[in-house]
């Protein structure tokens, strides 16, 4: 797993139908296999650099050799064979942002902790704290 509190993603090693414990292979209306993207777009270029250089080359990170970035979808895709149980990606904890991180932020704690939805009176979802933290 590489240690260090990161998140590992392993290959399921199967494709197709699915069972009660595994969903069927997803079908997409648009192609996920797009490797062609606008290399003059600064946002896509920065996303590509982050996915291919920063995450994969991080001292505690790892990307399987068959992973390729898909910057327009802000993800990776496997472009080759991946065996059952092989680690696809290790994303170190320090590169992840969780709603718990947001709850530790002084601004979020002072301004939003205990806030409720204006119409329903329900407590805010954790995603609201994360959105405020990222903004």
Protein backbone atom coordinates (compact mmCIF):
# COMPACT_ATOMS: atom_id res chain seq x y z
CA UNK A 1 0.00 0.00 0.00
CA UNK A 2 2.93 2.33 0.30
CA UNK A 3 2.09 3.53 3.84
CA UNK A 4 1.69 7.15 4.76
CA UNK A 5 -2.09 7.26 5.01
CA UNK A 6 -2.88 7.56 1.33
CA UNK A 7 -5.72 6.03 -0.60
CA UNK A 8 -4.98 3.03 -2.83
CA UNK A 9 -7.14 1.99 -5.71
CA UNK A 10 -6.81 -1.63 -6.79
CA UNK A 11 -7.91 -3.32 -9.96
CA UNK A 12 -11.01 -5.49 -9.62
CA UNK A 13 -9.54 -7.71 -12.30
CA UNK A 14 -12.85 -8.36 -14.04
CA UNK A 15 -15.08 -6.72 -16.56
CA UNK A 16 -18.58 -7.21 -17.75
CA UNK A 17 -21.85 -8.15 -16.13
CA UNK A 18 -21.61 -7.59 -12.43
CA UNK A 19 -23.23 -9.21 -9.47
CA UNK A 20 -25.03 -8.17 -6.36
CA UNK A 21 -21.63 -7.09 -5.00
CA UNK A 22 -20.21 -5.44 -8.09
CA UNK A 23 -21.99 -3.11 -10.49
CA UNK A 24 -22.00 -3.88 -14.20
CA UNK A 25 -19.45 -2.22 -16.42
CA UNK A 26 -20.51 1.38 -16.99
CA UNK A 27 -21.59 2.42 -20.46
CA UNK A 28 -20.99 6.03 -21.43
CA UNK A 29 -22.73 8.13 -24.02
CA UNK A 30 -19.57 10.04 -24.76
CA UNK A 31 -16.15 8.55 -25.21
CA UNK A 32 -13.90 8.32 -22.17
CA UNK A 33 -11.08 7.20 -24.38
CA UNK A 34 -10.34 10.70 -25.59
CA UNK A 35 -6.61 11.25 -25.50
CA UNK A 36 -6.84 14.26 -27.79
CA UNK A 37 -7.41 17.52 -25.95
CA UNK A 38 -6.78 21.20 -26.54
CA UNK A 39 -3.14 21.56 -25.51
CA UNK A 40 -3.41 25.36 -25.77
CA UNK A 41 -6.02 25.49 -23.00
CA UNK A 42 -4.14 26.58 -19.83
CA UNK A 43 -6.64 24.88 -17.49
CA UNK A 44 -6.40 21.54 -19.29
CA UNK A 45 -2.61 21.84 -19.47
CA UNK A 46 -2.41 22.49 -15.73
CA UNK A 47 -4.78 19.58 -15.06
CA UNK A 48 -2.69 17.28 -17.25
CA UNK A 49 0.48 18.33 -15.43
CA UNK A 50 -1.15 17.74 -12.05
CA UNK A 51 -2.43 14.29 -13.03
CA UNK A 52 0.67 13.10 -14.87
CA UNK A 53 3.51 14.77 -13.02
CA UNK A 54 2.49 15.92 -9.58
CA UNK A 55 0.33 13.02 -8.31
CA UNK A 56 2.23 10.22 -10.03
CA UNK A 57 5.67 11.52 -9.07
CA UNK A 58 4.83 12.47 -5.49
CA UNK A 59 7.22 10.68 -3.06
CA UNK A 60 4.32 8.76 -1.50
CA UNK A 61 2.17 8.63 -4.64
CA UNK A 62 2.03 6.02 -7.37
CA UNK A 63 0.39 5.59 -10.77
CA UNK A 64 0.30 2.25 -12.54
CA UNK A 65 2.39 2.41 -15.76
CA UNK A 66 -0.74 1.89 -17.87
CA UNK A 67 -2.53 4.94 -16.40
CA UNK A 68 -2.83 7.97 -18.65
CA UNK A 69 -4.33 11.33 -17.68
CA UNK A 70 -7.62 12.46 -19.21
CA UNK A 71 -7.46 16.18 -18.35
CA UNK A 72 -10.86 17.11 -19.79
CA UNK A 73 -12.49 14.67 -17.34
CA UNK A 74 -10.01 15.34 -14.48
CA UNK A 75 -9.24 11.64 -14.17
CA UNK A 76 -6.99 8.84 -15.37
CA UNK A 77 -7.71 5.90 -17.66
CA UNK A 78 -5.94 2.60 -18.06
CA UNK A 79 -4.50 2.29 -21.55
CA UNK A 80 -3.17 -1.23 -21.09
CA UNK A 81 -3.69 -4.43 -19.19
CA UNK A 82 -4.05 -4.27 -15.43
CA UNK A 83 -3.96 -7.54 -13.56
CA UNK A 84 -6.25 -8.51 -10.69
CA UNK A 85 -5.26 -6.89 -7.43
CA UNK A 86 -2.65 -4.57 -8.97
CA UNK A 87 -2.48 -1.13 -7.43
CA UNK A 88 -3.69 1.48 -9.90
CA UNK A 89 -3.16 4.68 -7.95
CA UNK A 90 -1.95 5.79 -4.55
CA UNK A 91 -3.14 9.27 -3.67
CA UNK A 92 -1.27 10.45 -0.54
CA UNK A 93 -3.35 11.94 2.25
CA UNK A 94 -1.64 15.31 1.97
CA UNK A 95 -3.02 15.66 -1.57
CA UNK A 96 -6.59 14.97 -0.47
CA UNK A 97 -9.05 17.48 0.96
CA UNK A 98 -11.91 16.13 3.03
CA UNK A 99 -14.84 17.77 4.76
CA UNK A 100 -13.02 17.01 8.02
CA UNK A 101 -10.21 19.32 6.86
CA UNK A 102 -12.82 22.01 6.31
CA UNK A 103 -14.23 21.53 9.79
CA UNK A 104 -10.79 22.27 11.26
CA UNK A 105 -10.56 25.61 9.42
CA UNK A 106 -11.02 28.61 11.77
CA UNK A 107 -13.29 30.51 9.34
CA UNK A 108 -15.54 27.52 8.73
CA UNK A 109 -15.74 26.80 12.47
CA UNK A 110 -16.55 30.42 13.33
CA UNK A 111 -18.99 31.17 10.51
CA UNK A 112 -20.63 27.89 9.55
CA UNK A 113 -20.46 25.45 12.43
CA UNK A 114 -24.02 25.02 13.65
CA UNK A 115 -25.50 26.69 10.56
CA UNK A 116 -28.76 25.27 9.23
CA UNK A 117 -30.48 25.22 5.88
CA UNK A 118 -32.65 28.33 5.56
CA UNK A 119 -35.75 26.59 4.21
CA UNK A 120 -35.69 23.19 5.92
CA UNK A 121 -33.80 23.89 9.13
CA UNK A 122 -31.66 20.79 8.49
CA UNK A 123 -27.97 20.84 9.39
CA UNK A 124 -25.67 21.62 6.49
CA UNK A 125 -24.20 18.72 4.54
CA UNK A 126 -20.46 18.16 4.94
CA UNK A 127 -20.01 19.18 1.31
CA UNK A 128 -21.12 22.72 2.19
CA UNK A 129 -18.27 23.05 4.68
CA UNK A 130 -15.83 21.69 2.12
CA UNK A 131 -17.10 24.11 -0.55
CA UNK A 132 -16.63 27.08 1.81
CA UNK A 133 -13.16 25.85 2.75
CA UNK A 134 -12.13 25.53 -0.91
CA UNK A 135 -13.57 28.91 -1.84
